[in-house]
Every structure is written in C-alpha cells, then in structure tokens.
Amino acid sequence: MTDNKTHNITHWIGIAGLMFGVFGFAYVGVQYMFNPAPLAVAWGFEGTSPAAITNLRVAVGAFHVAFGIVLLAALIGNKLVEGLFVFVVITSLAVGTRLAGLAIDGDDPATYRILNGEGMSFVVAVIAFAAILIGSRHNQ
C-alpha cells in the first residue's frame, strides 16, 4: 500500500473516531439535559430531588454536550490529532475513575453497564488517535 493510501485510510479512521465521539457525547448529553429523571432511576440513583436532577443536567448533560462541541470544533477545524487527543483524555479519565469507583465503592451491575459504553468509547478513541499518528508519520 502506498503512503498516500495509508494516509487516506488513517485520515478517515480519525474522522470516523471523532464523529463517534461527537455523536456519542451529544446523544448522552442531550438525554441528560432534557430528561434526566428517568435515566437517574434507571441507573439506580436514589436522589431524585430537584437539586439532584439539576446536578445531573449539568454534570452529565451539559458537560457531555460541551465535550461533543469541542470534538466537533476539532473536526471542522481539521485538528484531528488535537481532537482525538482530547477524546482519549476524556475517555481514559472516565474509565479510570469508573474502575477506581469499583475498587473503592464496590461492585454494582449498573457500574458495569456504564463502563461498557465508556470502555468502547475509549477503545474507539485510542484506535482513531493511533491511526492519525500512523498516517501523519507515513505522510512525512
């Protein structure tokens, strides 16, 4: 495979990875911004007071939407390396914190369900980031 073809393939893998992040963060964020109460109950949150629901809107909803916007800006601005780096950092912190929570707070099936999505996002982010780095190396 020529270097140009390698660069094109890795470039599109990077774009797909960023798009996955944009849509994933937007999907979760919008759900929590506009309808957090049923999600809170589904995940086993007992605190469904108005303050708790507002905190979910902000801490889960708004921050996920903001992350999606940052990744979208990187995608539009053709800053794939930077955007994918941010995606890797966000997802690695989420997975690391979730695993620490399992160790500190104990086992819970709901934690594993959430960890599945976060872990999948982390894997996609790492693969896309690696592809972009490989493609940029082949393009030099």
Protein backbone atom coordinates (compact mmCIF):
# COMPACT_ATOMS: atom_id res chain seq x y z
CA MET A 1 0.00 0.00 0.00
CA THR A 2 1.41 3.41 -0.89
CA ASP A 3 1.99 6.07 1.74
CA ASN A 4 -0.77 8.21 0.21
CA LYS A 5 -3.33 5.38 0.50
CA THR A 6 -2.22 4.69 4.09
CA HIS A 7 -2.60 8.37 4.92
CA ASN A 8 -6.09 8.50 3.34
CA ILE A 9 -7.29 5.42 5.22
CA THR A 10 -5.88 6.55 8.56
CA HIS A 11 -7.26 10.04 7.99
CA TRP A 12 -10.78 8.64 7.51
CA ILE A 13 -10.39 6.40 10.56
CA GLY A 14 -9.52 9.51 12.56
CA ILE A 15 -12.53 11.39 11.20
CA ALA A 16 -14.81 8.43 11.99
CA GLY A 17 -13.41 8.27 15.54
CA LEU A 18 -14.05 11.95 16.13
CA MET A 19 -17.55 11.66 14.68
CA PHE A 20 -18.21 8.74 17.03
CA GLY A 21 -17.17 10.97 19.93
CA VAL A 22 -19.24 13.93 18.75
CA PHE A 23 -22.40 11.88 18.34
CA GLY A 24 -21.80 9.81 21.49
CA PHE A 25 -21.28 12.83 23.72
CA ALA A 26 -24.18 14.68 22.10
CA TYR A 27 -26.52 11.70 22.50
CA VAL A 28 -25.77 11.21 26.20
CA GLY A 29 -25.66 14.94 26.91
CA VAL A 30 -28.97 15.79 25.27
CA GLN A 31 -30.71 12.91 27.04
CA TYR A 32 -29.48 14.08 30.43
CA MET A 33 -30.13 17.76 29.74
CA PHE A 34 -33.76 17.29 28.73
CA ASN A 35 -34.96 14.18 30.57
CA PRO A 36 -32.64 13.19 33.42
CA ALA A 37 -35.19 11.85 35.93
CA PRO A 38 -36.00 8.51 34.22
CA LEU A 39 -32.31 8.00 33.48
CA ALA A 40 -31.43 8.62 37.11
CA VAL A 41 -33.93 6.00 38.25
CA ALA A 42 -32.79 3.53 35.57
CA TRP A 43 -29.19 3.81 36.76
CA GLY A 44 -30.17 3.33 40.39
CA PHE A 45 -29.78 6.91 41.61
CA GLU A 46 -31.93 7.39 44.66
CA GLY A 47 -31.56 11.14 44.92
CA THR A 48 -34.16 12.46 42.53
CA SER A 49 -34.80 15.77 44.28
CA PRO A 50 -34.94 18.90 42.09
CA ALA A 51 -31.33 19.72 43.06
CA ALA A 52 -30.15 16.21 42.20
CA ILE A 53 -31.90 16.31 38.82
CA THR A 54 -30.42 19.73 38.05
CA ASN A 55 -26.98 18.43 39.00
CA LEU A 56 -27.44 15.56 36.53
CA ARG A 57 -28.48 18.03 33.83
CA VAL A 58 -25.27 19.96 34.37
CA ALA A 59 -22.70 17.35 35.42
CA VAL A 60 -23.73 14.74 32.88
CA GLY A 61 -25.80 16.58 30.29
CA ALA A 62 -24.08 19.91 29.79
CA PHE A 63 -20.55 18.57 30.12
CA HIS A 64 -21.18 15.80 27.59
CA VAL A 65 -22.63 18.30 25.13
CA ALA A 66 -19.63 20.58 25.72
CA PHE A 67 -17.22 17.70 25.07
CA GLY A 68 -19.09 16.93 21.85
CA ILE A 69 -18.83 20.57 20.77
CA VAL A 70 -15.08 20.60 21.43
CA LEU A 71 -14.65 17.46 19.31
CA LEU A 72 -16.87 18.94 16.58
CA ALA A 73 -14.75 22.11 16.55
CA ALA A 74 -11.63 19.97 16.12
CA LEU A 75 -13.32 18.07 13.30
CA ILE A 76 -14.44 21.22 11.50
CA GLY A 77 -11.07 22.90 12.04
CA ASN A 78 -9.22 19.84 10.72
CA LYS A 79 -7.42 19.45 14.06
CA LEU A 80 -7.79 15.68 14.15
CA VAL A 81 -4.73 14.96 16.29
CA GLU A 82 -5.74 17.52 18.89
CA GLY A 83 -9.39 16.47 18.90
CA LEU A 84 -8.57 12.80 19.21
CA PHE A 85 -6.10 13.53 21.99
CA VAL A 86 -8.89 15.28 23.91
CA PHE A 87 -11.20 12.32 23.21
CA VAL A 88 -8.57 9.89 24.55
CA VAL A 89 -8.02 12.01 27.67
CA ILE A 90 -11.74 12.34 28.44
CA THR A 91 -12.49 8.66 27.93
CA SER A 92 -9.40 7.45 29.79
CA LEU A 93 -10.33 9.61 32.77
CA ALA A 94 -13.89 8.27 32.68
CA VAL A 95 -12.75 4.64 32.50
CA GLY A 96 -10.05 5.15 35.13
CA THR A 97 -12.46 6.85 37.51
CA ARG A 98 -15.11 4.18 36.93
CA LEU A 99 -12.56 1.43 37.70
CA ALA A 100 -11.39 3.30 40.80
CA GLY A 101 -15.02 3.57 41.87
CA LEU A 102 -15.43 -0.18 41.53
CA ALA A 103 -12.37 -0.72 43.71
CA ILE A 104 -13.30 1.91 46.30
CA ASP A 105 -17.11 1.79 46.36
CA GLY A 106 -17.71 -1.84 45.48
CA ASP A 107 -19.35 -3.92 42.82
CA ASP A 108 -22.62 -2.91 41.17
CA PRO A 109 -24.17 -4.14 37.91
CA ALA A 110 -25.10 -0.58 36.92
CA THR A 111 -21.44 0.42 37.08
CA TYR A 112 -20.52 -2.32 34.63
CA ARG A 113 -23.28 -1.25 32.21
CA ILE A 114 -21.96 2.30 32.16
CA LEU A 115 -18.36 1.09 31.97
CA ASN A 116 -19.18 -0.88 28.79
CA GLY A 117 -20.05 2.30 26.89
CA GLU A 118 -17.16 4.26 28.32
CA GLY A 119 -14.76 1.44 27.55
CA MET A 120 -15.99 1.18 23.97
CA SER A 121 -15.55 4.94 23.54
CA PHE A 122 -12.03 4.69 24.96
CA VAL A 123 -11.10 1.91 22.52
CA VAL A 124 -12.51 3.86 19.56
CA ALA A 125 -10.62 6.99 20.68
CA VAL A 126 -7.31 5.14 21.04
CA ILE A 127 -7.65 3.35 17.69
CA ALA A 128 -8.54 6.57 15.87
CA PHE A 129 -5.74 8.50 17.59
CA ALA A 130 -3.21 5.79 16.74
CA ALA A 131 -4.43 5.75 13.13
CA ILE A 132 -3.97 9.50 12.79
CA LEU A 133 -0.47 9.31 14.26
CA ILE A 134 0.44 6.45 11.92
CA GLY A 135 -0.99 8.32 8.94
CA SER A 136 0.89 11.51 9.77
CA ARG A 137 4.12 9.51 10.12
CA HIS A 138 3.57 7.91 6.68
CA ASN A 139 2.85 11.31 5.19
CA GLN A 140 6.17 12.82 6.27
